Amino acid sequence: MAITKIKSAAVHFIFSGKNILAKKNPQGGYELPGAEFFEQFVARQKERGLLCDAICETPQNYAAALVKESQSENEIASQKEFEFVPLREFCFESEAESPLALRAKGIVSWHDTYRHCPKCGAAFCDDKNETALICPECHFRLFPRIEPCVIVMIYRGDEILLVRNKHFGAKFFSHISGFVELGESAENAVKREAMEEVGITLKNIKPLSTQSWPFPDQLMMAYSAEYAGGELVLQEEEIAEARFFKRDELPPENMLPGRGSIAWKMLYGKI
């Protein structure tokens, strides 16, 4: 996945943190940088020591770069009216490019994070046959990480349970979610998270949809479930508040999940 064949790539992505470089299109959606702009931008960021990594996946026909978060990024980008915008907003507005953009973000972040073999410490090389890193010394292969995570919309009659996590800001409500642990099914993870975080039991657990969420490497698996019993008892180190809301009395939009996220789609019946 070395940064070769940049000019022949059909699509070019530049990421910084949770943002992507793009230009708002008056007709809707976003415009991505072309090959020449991409190549110049990457070269300048490399000179400044701000380039984390750059890759080119030939089968998918794209090139991607990851740069450090810096105030200078928008100064450089603004020369061509590009700016860094939230990746989730880009994906919501540009559905055609969304799957490839999410893949590119996940791959370039993974490529930047895992540089040395965890078994012997040698520098990784790109596997020529598949999407993997390979150690030239002990031949250990490392594939991109995907962390399965469940998120559940819990309902009680015409009410929906929303929680405010202590780690997500003072006023932000969403659904209960958590990572699937070794040895358990996704459905058991849903039950465990509900019991751990708010002390309730569930029934009628049903799968809804999934979403790639490379922040940094989650696969979100959405479920709906019916409240079965128990009093709300909050997990003190995680949950600041938990309440059942009527569908027509939800918190203000700026206190709810952002557009395009699977949490937002669940909340507004988009899945």
C-alpha atoms as a PDB file:
ATOM      1  CA  MET A   1       0.000   0.000   0.000  1.00  0.00           C
ATOM      2  CA  ALA A   2       2.903   2.335  -0.586  1.00  0.00           C
ATOM      3  CA  ILE A   3       1.983   5.737  -1.958  1.00  0.00           C
ATOM      4  CA  THR A   4       2.416   4.959  -5.626  1.00  0.00           C
ATOM      5  CA  LYS A   5       0.223   5.508  -8.674  1.00  0.00           C
ATOM      6  CA  ILE A   6      -1.314   8.591  -7.049  1.00  0.00           C
ATOM      7  CA  LYS A   7      -2.185  10.244 -10.331  1.00  0.00           C
ATOM      8  CA  SER A   8      -3.858   7.111 -11.673  1.00  0.00           C
ATOM      9  CA  ALA A   9      -6.119   6.748  -8.640  1.00  0.00           C
ATOM     10  CA  ALA A  10      -9.746   7.617  -9.306  1.00  0.00           C
ATOM     11  CA  VAL A  11     -10.470   9.096  -5.862  1.00  0.00           C
ATOM     12  CA  HIS A  12      -8.258  11.007  -3.412  1.00  0.00           C
ATOM     13  CA  PHE A  13      -8.940  11.357   0.310  1.00  0.00           C
ATOM     14  CA  ILE A  14      -7.130  13.526   2.872  1.00  0.00           C
ATOM     15  CA  PHE A  15      -7.997  12.952   6.537  1.00  0.00           C
ATOM     16  CA  SER A  16      -7.117  14.726   9.752  1.00  0.00           C
ATOM     17  CA  GLY A  17      -8.503  13.333  12.987  1.00  0.00           C
ATOM     18  CA  LYS A  18     -12.226  12.750  12.387  1.00  0.00           C
ATOM     19  CA  ASN A  19     -12.295  15.174   9.446  1.00  0.00           C
ATOM     20  CA  ILE A  20     -11.921  14.925   5.685  1.00  0.00           C
ATOM     21  CA  LEU A  21     -10.708  17.565   3.228  1.00  0.00           C
ATOM     22  CA  ALA A  22     -13.500  18.544   0.842  1.00  0.00           C
ATOM     23  CA  LYS A  23     -15.221  21.447  -0.902  1.00  0.00           C
ATOM     24  CA  LYS A  24     -18.940  22.094  -0.520  1.00  0.00           C
ATOM     25  CA  ASN A  25     -20.765  21.642  -3.822  1.00  0.00           C
ATOM     26  CA  PRO A  26     -23.527  24.230  -4.478  1.00  0.00           C
ATOM     27  CA  GLN A  27     -25.615  21.467  -6.064  1.00  0.00           C
ATOM     28  CA  GLY A  28     -25.307  19.324  -2.946  1.00  0.00           C
ATOM     29  CA  GLY A  29     -22.698  16.991  -1.523  1.00  0.00           C
ATOM     30  CA  TYR A  30     -18.952  17.578  -1.512  1.00  0.00           C
ATOM     31  CA  GLU A  31     -16.128  17.715  -4.033  1.00  0.00           C
ATOM     32  CA  LEU A  32     -12.914  15.856  -3.254  1.00  0.00           C
ATOM     33  CA  PRO A  33      -9.376  17.009  -4.177  1.00  0.00           C
ATOM     34  CA  GLY A  34      -7.928  15.944  -7.520  1.00  0.00           C
ATOM     35  CA  ALA A  35      -4.655  14.084  -8.053  1.00  0.00           C
ATOM     36  CA  GLU A  36      -2.466  17.180  -8.517  1.00  0.00           C
ATOM     37  CA  PHE A  37      -3.776  18.948  -5.424  1.00  0.00           C
ATOM     38  CA  PHE A  38      -3.486  15.718  -3.424  1.00  0.00           C
ATOM     39  CA  GLU A  39       0.119  15.175  -4.474  1.00  0.00           C
ATOM     40  CA  GLN A  40       1.141  18.771  -3.682  1.00  0.00           C
ATOM     41  CA  PHE A  41      -0.670  18.771  -0.363  1.00  0.00           C
ATOM     42  CA  VAL A  42       0.933  15.497   0.741  1.00  0.00           C
ATOM     43  CA  ALA A  43       4.388  16.733  -0.281  1.00  0.00           C
ATOM     44  CA  ARG A  44       3.997  19.989   1.681  1.00  0.00           C
ATOM     45  CA  GLN A  45       2.714  18.231   4.778  1.00  0.00           C
ATOM     46  CA  LYS A  46       5.591  15.771   4.595  1.00  0.00           C
ATOM     47  CA  GLU A  47       8.090  18.638   4.448  1.00  0.00           C
ATOM     48  CA  ARG A  48       6.475  20.235   7.496  1.00  0.00           C
ATOM     49  CA  GLY A  49       6.499  16.953   9.442  1.00  0.00           C
ATOM     50  CA  LEU A  50       2.693  16.831   9.519  1.00  0.00           C
ATOM     51  CA  LEU A  51       2.160  13.748   7.353  1.00  0.00           C
ATOM     52  CA  CYS A  52       1.210  10.685   9.413  1.00  0.00           C
ATOM     53  CA  ASP A  53       0.905   8.247   6.512  1.00  0.00           C
ATOM     54  CA  ALA A  54      -0.247   7.901   2.917  1.00  0.00           C
ATOM     55  CA  ILE A  55      -1.464   4.837   1.057  1.00  0.00           C
ATOM     56  CA  CYS A  56      -2.714   3.780  -2.338  1.00  0.00           C
ATOM     57  CA  GLU A  57      -4.950   0.720  -2.689  1.00  0.00           C
ATOM     58  CA  THR A  58      -4.874  -0.294  -6.323  1.00  0.00           C
ATOM     59  CA  PRO A  59      -7.851  -2.711  -6.403  1.00  0.00           C
ATOM     60  CA  GLN A  60     -10.118  -0.086  -4.806  1.00  0.00           C
ATOM     61  CA  ASN A  61      -8.522   2.595  -7.000  1.00  0.00           C
ATOM     62  CA  TYR A  62      -8.039   5.313  -4.386  1.00  0.00           C
ATOM     63  CA  ALA A  63      -5.237   7.171  -2.641  1.00  0.00           C
ATOM     64  CA  ALA A  64      -5.499   8.455   0.928  1.00  0.00           C
ATOM     65  CA  ALA A  65      -3.398  10.521   3.300  1.00  0.00           C
ATOM     66  CA  LEU A  66      -3.604  11.098   7.037  1.00  0.00           C
ATOM     67  CA  VAL A  67      -2.172  14.360   8.385  1.00  0.00           C
ATOM     68  CA  LYS A  68      -1.687  15.593  11.923  1.00  0.00           C
ATOM     69  CA  GLU A  69      -4.270  17.941  13.332  1.00  0.00           C
ATOM     70  CA  SER A  70      -2.877  21.441  13.041  1.00  0.00           C
ATOM     71  CA  GLN A  71      -4.061  25.029  12.615  1.00  0.00           C
ATOM     72  CA  SER A  72      -1.989  25.222   9.442  1.00  0.00           C
ATOM     73  CA  GLU A  73      -4.122  22.634   7.636  1.00  0.00           C
ATOM     74  CA  ASN A  74      -6.976  24.936   6.739  1.00  0.00           C
ATOM     75  CA  GLU A  75      -4.537  27.677   5.762  1.00  0.00           C
ATOM     76  CA  ILE A  76      -3.065  25.360   3.139  1.00  0.00           C
ATOM     77  CA  ALA A  77      -6.412  23.929   2.097  1.00  0.00           C
ATOM     78  CA  SER A  78      -8.142  27.312   1.722  1.00  0.00           C
ATOM     79  CA  GLN A  79      -6.008  28.149  -1.295  1.00  0.00           C
ATOM     80  CA  LYS A  80      -8.337  25.933  -3.309  1.00  0.00           C
ATOM     81  CA  GLU A  81     -11.465  26.587  -1.208  1.00  0.00           C
ATOM     82  CA  PHE A  82     -11.146  23.195   0.437  1.00  0.00           C
ATOM     83  CA  GLU A  83     -11.645  22.778   4.158  1.00  0.00           C
ATOM     84  CA  PHE A  84     -11.664  20.000   6.710  1.00  0.00           C
ATOM     85  CA  VAL A  85     -15.233  18.933   7.465  1.00  0.00           C
ATOM     86  CA  PRO A  86     -16.501  16.169   9.798  1.00  0.00           C
ATOM     87  CA  LEU A  87     -16.272  12.796   8.079  1.00  0.00           C
ATOM     88  CA  ARG A  88     -19.717  11.819   9.340  1.00  0.00           C
ATOM     89  CA  GLU A  89     -21.207  14.952   7.728  1.00  0.00           C
ATOM     90  CA  PHE A  90     -19.383  14.192   4.477  1.00  0.00           C
ATOM     91  CA  CYS A  91     -20.753  10.625   4.459  1.00  0.00           C
ATOM     92  CA  PHE A  92     -24.291  11.855   5.105  1.00  0.00           C
ATOM     93  CA  GLU A  93     -24.124  14.384   2.264  1.00  0.00           C
ATOM     94  CA  SER A  94     -22.122  12.236  -0.191  1.00  0.00           C
ATOM     95  CA  GLU A  95     -23.585   8.756   0.042  1.00  0.00           C
ATOM     96  CA  ALA A  96     -21.934   7.546  -3.184  1.00  0.00           C
ATOM     97  CA  GLU A  97     -18.409   8.143  -1.829  1.00  0.00           C
ATOM     98  CA  SER A  98     -19.283   7.181   1.751  1.00  0.00           C
ATOM     99  CA  PRO A  99     -18.337   3.448   1.752  1.00  0.00           C
ATOM    100  CA  LEU A 100     -14.943   4.049   0.122  1.00  0.00           C
ATOM    101  CA  ALA A 101     -14.240   7.058   2.350  1.00  0.00           C
ATOM    102  CA  LEU A 102     -14.931   4.987   5.469  1.00  0.00           C
ATOM    103  CA  ARG A 103     -12.667   2.214   4.207  1.00  0.00           C
ATOM    104  CA  ALA A 104      -9.895   4.649   3.328  1.00  0.00           C
ATOM    105  CA  LYS A 105     -10.077   6.313   6.744  1.00  0.00           C
ATOM    106  CA  GLY A 106      -9.915   2.957   8.529  1.00  0.00           C
ATOM    107  CA  ILE A 107      -7.072   1.607   6.412  1.00  0.00           C
ATOM    108  CA  VAL A 108      -4.822   4.672   6.542  1.00  0.00           C
ATOM    109  CA  SER A 109      -5.332   5.029  10.322  1.00  0.00           C
ATOM    110  CA  TRP A 110      -4.535   1.322  10.814  1.00  0.00           C
ATOM    111  CA  HIS A 111      -1.494   1.618   8.574  1.00  0.00           C
ATOM    112  CA  ASP A 112      -0.236   4.579  10.605  1.00  0.00           C
ATOM    113  CA  THR A 113      -0.833   2.920  13.997  1.00  0.00           C
ATOM    114  CA  TYR A 114       0.759  -0.476  13.380  1.00  0.00           C
ATOM    115  CA  ARG A 115       4.304   0.076  12.136  1.00  0.00           C
ATOM    116  CA  HIS A 116       6.198  -2.700  13.960  1.00  0.00           C
ATOM    117  CA  CYS A 117       5.604  -6.398  14.506  1.00  0.00           C
ATOM    118  CA  PRO A 118       4.240  -7.050  18.037  1.00  0.00           C
ATOM    119  CA  LYS A 119       6.107 -10.389  18.196  1.00  0.00           C
ATOM    120  CA  CYS A 120       9.659  -9.445  17.213  1.00  0.00           C
ATOM    121  CA  GLY A 121       9.661  -5.668  16.772  1.00  0.00           C
ATOM    122  CA  ALA A 122      10.728  -5.595  13.108  1.00  0.00           C
ATOM    123  CA  ALA A 123       9.227  -2.961  10.818  1.00  0.00           C
ATOM    124  CA  PHE A 124       6.140  -4.189   8.970  1.00  0.00           C
ATOM    125  CA  CYS A 125       5.956  -4.454   5.182  1.00  0.00           C
ATOM    126  CA  ASP A 126       2.826  -4.425   3.038  1.00  0.00           C
ATOM    127  CA  ASP A 127       1.510  -7.842   2.056  1.00  0.00           C
ATOM    128  CA  LYS A 128       1.441  -7.962  -1.748  1.00  0.00           C
ATOM    129  CA  ASN A 129      -1.441 -10.431  -1.932  1.00  0.00           C
ATOM    130  CA  GLU A 130      -4.031  -9.123   0.525  1.00  0.00           C
ATOM    131  CA  THR A 131      -4.891  -6.232   2.822  1.00  0.00           C
ATOM    132  CA  ALA A 132      -2.451  -7.072   5.583  1.00  0.00           C
ATOM    133  CA  LEU A 133       0.894  -6.148   7.060  1.00  0.00           C
ATOM    134  CA  ILE A 134       3.618  -8.798   7.170  1.00  0.00           C
ATOM    135  CA  CYS A 135       6.763  -9.030   9.239  1.00  0.00           C
ATOM    136  CA  PRO A 136       9.849  -9.734   7.077  1.00  0.00           C
ATOM    137  CA  GLU A 137      11.571 -11.442  10.022  1.00  0.00           C
ATOM    138  CA  CYS A 138       9.033 -13.784  11.658  1.00  0.00           C
ATOM    139  CA  HIS A 139       6.343 -13.607   8.926  1.00  0.00           C
ATOM    140  CA  PHE A 140       3.585 -12.593  11.361  1.00  0.00           C
ATOM    141  CA  ARG A 141       0.590 -11.146   9.517  1.00  0.00           C
ATOM    142  CA  LEU A 142      -1.588  -8.368  10.861  1.00  0.00           C
ATOM    143  CA  PHE A 143      -4.980  -7.617   9.353  1.00  0.00           C
ATOM    144  CA  PRO A 144      -7.001  -4.417   9.825  1.00  0.00           C
ATOM    145  CA  ARG A 145      -8.742  -4.340  13.194  1.00  0.00           C
ATOM    146  CA  ILE A 146     -12.525  -4.307  13.367  1.00  0.00           C
ATOM    147  CA  GLU A 147     -14.026  -3.847  16.829  1.00  0.00           C
ATOM    148  CA  PRO A 148     -17.636  -5.119  17.042  1.00  0.00           C
ATOM    149  CA  CYS A 149     -19.810  -2.753  19.044  1.00  0.00           C
ATOM    150  CA  VAL A 150     -23.529  -3.021  19.855  1.00  0.00           C
ATOM    151  CA  ILE A 151     -25.936  -0.121  20.199  1.00  0.00           C
ATOM    152  CA  VAL A 152     -29.512  -0.666  21.335  1.00  0.00           C
ATOM    153  CA  MET A 153     -32.685   1.391  21.180  1.00  0.00           C
ATOM    154  CA  ILE A 154     -34.691   0.396  24.261  1.00  0.00           C
ATOM    155  CA  TYR A 155     -38.392   1.177  24.212  1.00  0.00           C
ATOM    156  CA  ARG A 156     -41.137   1.019  26.863  1.00  0.00           C
ATOM    157  CA  GLY A 157     -44.500   1.580  25.274  1.00  0.00           C
ATOM    158  CA  ASP A 158     -44.175   4.885  23.399  1.00  0.00           C
ATOM    159  CA  GLU A 159     -41.039   5.880  25.321  1.00  0.00           C
ATOM    160  CA  ILE A 160     -37.362   5.487  24.383  1.00  0.00           C
ATOM    161  CA  LEU A 161     -34.513   5.166  26.855  1.00  0.00           C
ATOM    162  CA  LEU A 162     -31.656   7.614  26.300  1.00  0.00           C
ATOM    163  CA  VAL A 163     -28.548   7.952  28.426  1.00  0.00           C
ATOM    164  CA  ARG A 164     -25.966  10.661  28.965  1.00  0.00           C
ATOM    165  CA  ASN A 165     -22.488   9.208  29.112  1.00  0.00           C
ATOM    166  CA  LYS A 166     -19.974  11.018  31.316  1.00  0.00           C
ATOM    167  CA  HIS A 167     -17.321  10.735  28.606  1.00  0.00           C
ATOM    168  CA  PHE A 168     -19.382  12.302  25.786  1.00  0.00           C
ATOM    169  CA  GLY A 169     -19.971  15.821  27.050  1.00  0.00           C
ATOM    170  CA  ALA A 170     -22.208  17.441  29.594  1.00  0.00           C
ATOM    171  CA  LYS A 171     -25.401  17.440  27.522  1.00  0.00           C
ATOM    172  CA  PHE A 172     -25.425  14.661  24.966  1.00  0.00           C
ATOM    173  CA  PHE A 173     -28.007  11.870  24.979  1.00  0.00           C
ATOM    174  CA  SER A 174     -27.822   8.645  22.981  1.00  0.00           C
ATOM    175  CA  HIS A 175     -28.592   4.940  23.132  1.00  0.00           C
ATOM    176  CA  ILE A 176     -26.803   2.422  25.309  1.00  0.00           C
ATOM    177  CA  SER A 177     -23.805   0.957  23.505  1.00  0.00           C
ATOM    178  CA  GLY A 178     -20.671  -1.037  24.194  1.00  0.00           C
ATOM    179  CA  PHE A 179     -18.076  -3.416  22.797  1.00  0.00           C
ATOM    180  CA  VAL A 180     -18.722  -7.122  22.335  1.00  0.00           C
ATOM    181  CA  GLU A 181     -16.467  -9.073  24.666  1.00  0.00           C
ATOM    182  CA  LEU A 182     -14.608 -12.283  23.876  1.00  0.00           C
ATOM    183  CA  GLY A 183     -16.819 -15.339  24.071  1.00  0.00           C
ATOM    184  CA  GLU A 184     -20.198 -13.586  23.922  1.00  0.00           C
ATOM    185  CA  SER A 185     -22.734 -13.055  21.166  1.00  0.00           C
ATOM    186  CA  ALA A 186     -23.876  -9.612  20.088  1.00  0.00           C
ATOM    187  CA  GLU A 187     -27.300 -10.284  21.634  1.00  0.00           C
ATOM    188  CA  ASN A 188     -25.722 -11.177  24.978  1.00  0.00           C
ATOM    189  CA  ALA A 189     -23.632  -8.016  24.764  1.00  0.00           C
ATOM    190  CA  VAL A 190     -26.855  -6.007  24.398  1.00  0.00           C
ATOM    191  CA  LYS A 191     -28.276  -7.624  27.548  1.00  0.00           C
ATOM    192  CA  ARG A 192     -25.057  -7.177  29.504  1.00  0.00           C
ATOM    193  CA  GLU A 193     -24.615  -3.514  28.574  1.00  0.00           C
ATOM    194  CA  ALA A 194     -28.199  -2.695  29.587  1.00  0.00           C
ATOM    195  CA  MET A 195     -27.748  -4.415  32.942  1.00  0.00           C
ATOM    196  CA  GLU A 196     -24.299  -2.924  33.585  1.00  0.00           C
ATOM    197  CA  GLU A 197     -25.101   0.636  32.590  1.00  0.00           C
ATOM    198  CA  VAL A 198     -28.667   1.115  33.855  1.00  0.00           C
ATOM    199  CA  GLY A 199     -29.617  -2.086  35.727  1.00  0.00           C
ATOM    200  CA  ILE A 200     -32.564  -3.228  33.581  1.00  0.00           C
ATOM    201  CA  THR A 201     -33.477  -6.422  31.755  1.00  0.00           C
ATOM    202  CA  LEU A 202     -34.614  -6.633  28.129  1.00  0.00           C
ATOM    203  CA  LYS A 203     -36.809  -8.776  25.900  1.00  0.00           C
ATOM    204  CA  ASN A 204     -37.664  -8.990  22.195  1.00  0.00           C
ATOM    205  CA  ILE A 205     -34.122  -8.135  21.095  1.00  0.00           C
ATOM    206  CA  LYS A 206     -34.060  -7.654  17.318  1.00  0.00           C
ATOM    207  CA  PRO A 207     -31.272  -6.714  14.885  1.00  0.00           C
ATOM    208  CA  LEU A 208     -31.791  -3.515  12.889  1.00  0.00           C
ATOM    209  CA  SER A 209     -28.721  -2.684  10.807  1.00  0.00           C
ATOM    210  CA  THR A 210     -24.942  -2.228  10.883  1.00  0.00           C
ATOM    211  CA  GLN A 211     -22.591   0.647  10.122  1.00  0.00           C
ATOM    212  CA  SER A 212     -18.836   0.913   9.668  1.00  0.00           C
ATOM    213  CA  TRP A 213     -17.592   3.551  12.089  1.00  0.00           C
ATOM    214  CA  PRO A 214     -13.812   4.021  11.724  1.00  0.00           C
ATOM    215  CA  PHE A 215     -13.313   6.240  14.783  1.00  0.00           C
ATOM    216  CA  PRO A 216     -11.011   4.420  14.957  1.00  0.00           C
ATOM    217  CA  ASP A 217     -12.211   0.933  13.952  1.00  0.00           C
ATOM    218  CA  GLN A 218     -15.740   0.063  15.084  1.00  0.00           C
ATOM    219  CA  LEU A 219     -18.422  -1.956  13.342  1.00  0.00           C
ATOM    220  CA  MET A 220     -21.647  -0.731  14.914  1.00  0.00           C
ATOM    221  CA  MET A 221     -24.388  -3.361  15.194  1.00  0.00           C
ATOM    222  CA  ALA A 222     -27.775  -1.822  15.951  1.00  0.00           C
ATOM    223  CA  TYR A 223     -30.574  -3.543  17.851  1.00  0.00           C
ATOM    224  CA  SER A 224     -33.983  -2.692  19.221  1.00  0.00           C
ATOM    225  CA  ALA A 225     -35.189  -4.173  22.502  1.00  0.00           C
ATOM    226  CA  GLU A 226     -38.176  -3.895  24.798  1.00  0.00           C
ATOM    227  CA  TYR A 227     -37.822  -2.972  28.450  1.00  0.00           C
ATOM    228  CA  ALA A 228     -38.570  -6.090  30.519  1.00  0.00           C
ATOM    229  CA  GLY A 229     -38.057  -4.964  34.106  1.00  0.00           C
ATOM    230  CA  GLY A 230     -35.902  -3.398  36.778  1.00  0.00           C
ATOM    231  CA  GLU A 231     -35.339   0.048  38.226  1.00  0.00           C
ATOM    232  CA  LEU A 232     -32.874   2.432  36.604  1.00  0.00           C
ATOM    233  CA  VAL A 233     -29.618   2.081  38.541  1.00  0.00           C
ATOM    234  CA  LEU A 234     -26.802   4.014  36.901  1.00  0.00           C
ATOM    235  CA  GLN A 235     -23.253   2.765  36.476  1.00  0.00           C
ATOM    236  CA  GLU A 236     -21.582   5.661  38.277  1.00  0.00           C
ATOM    237  CA  GLU A 237     -18.276   5.680  36.403  1.00  0.00           C
ATOM    238  CA  GLU A 238     -19.995   5.677  32.992  1.00  0.00           C
ATOM    239  CA  ILE A 239     -23.534   7.081  33.067  1.00  0.00           C
ATOM    240  CA  ALA A 240     -24.457  10.558  34.267  1.00  0.00           C
ATOM    241  CA  GLU A 241     -28.182  10.371  33.484  1.00  0.00           C
ATOM    242  CA  ALA A 242     -30.746   7.939  32.053  1.00  0.00           C
ATOM    243  CA  ARG A 243     -34.360   8.758  31.199  1.00  0.00           C
ATOM    244  CA  PHE A 244     -37.286   7.426  29.220  1.00  0.00           C
ATOM    245  CA  PHE A 245     -38.427  10.045  26.696  1.00  0.00           C
ATOM    246  CA  LYS A 246     -41.640  10.151  24.722  1.00  0.00           C
ATOM    247  CA  ARG A 247     -40.943  10.261  20.987  1.00  0.00           C
ATOM    248  CA  ASP A 248     -42.464  13.725  20.665  1.00  0.00           C
ATOM    249  CA  GLU A 249     -40.581  15.055  23.711  1.00  0.00           C
ATOM    250  CA  LEU A 250     -36.963  14.237  22.871  1.00  0.00           C
ATOM    251  CA  PRO A 251     -34.089  16.496  23.958  1.00  0.00           C
ATOM    252  CA  PRO A 252     -33.112  19.313  21.542  1.00  0.00           C
ATOM    253  CA  GLU A 253     -31.402  18.195  18.327  1.00  0.00           C
ATOM    254  CA  ASN A 254     -28.038  19.607  19.427  1.00  0.00           C
ATOM    255  CA  MET A 255     -28.102  17.205  22.381  1.00  0.00           C
ATOM    256  CA  LEU A 256     -28.744  14.128  20.223  1.00  0.00           C
ATOM    257  CA  PRO A 257     -26.594  11.977  17.880  1.00  0.00           C
ATOM    258  CA  GLY A 258     -25.357  13.631  14.701  1.00  0.00           C
ATOM    259  CA  ARG A 259     -26.926  13.105  11.298  1.00  0.00           C
ATOM    260  CA  GLY A 260     -25.724  10.061   9.432  1.00  0.00           C
ATOM    261  CA  SER A 261     -24.728   8.067  12.501  1.00  0.00           C
ATOM    262  CA  ILE A 262     -26.545   4.808  13.106  1.00  0.00           C
ATOM    263  CA  ALA A 263     -27.690   6.202  16.482  1.00  0.00           C
ATOM    264  CA  TRP A 264     -29.399   9.084  14.642  1.00  0.00           C
ATOM    265  CA  LYS A 265     -31.005   6.706  12.135  1.00  0.00           C
ATOM    266  CA  MET A 266     -32.393   4.549  14.956  1.00  0.00           C
ATOM    267  CA  LEU A 267     -33.764   7.541  16.809  1.00  0.00           C
ATOM    268  CA  TYR A 268     -35.603   8.954  13.805  1.00  0.00           C
ATOM    269  CA  GLY A 269     -36.802   5.678  12.300  1.00  0.00           C
ATOM    270  CA  LYS A 270     -34.445   5.708   9.313  1.00  0.00           C
ATOM    271  CA  ILE A 271     -33.693   1.973   9.720  1.00  0.00           C
END
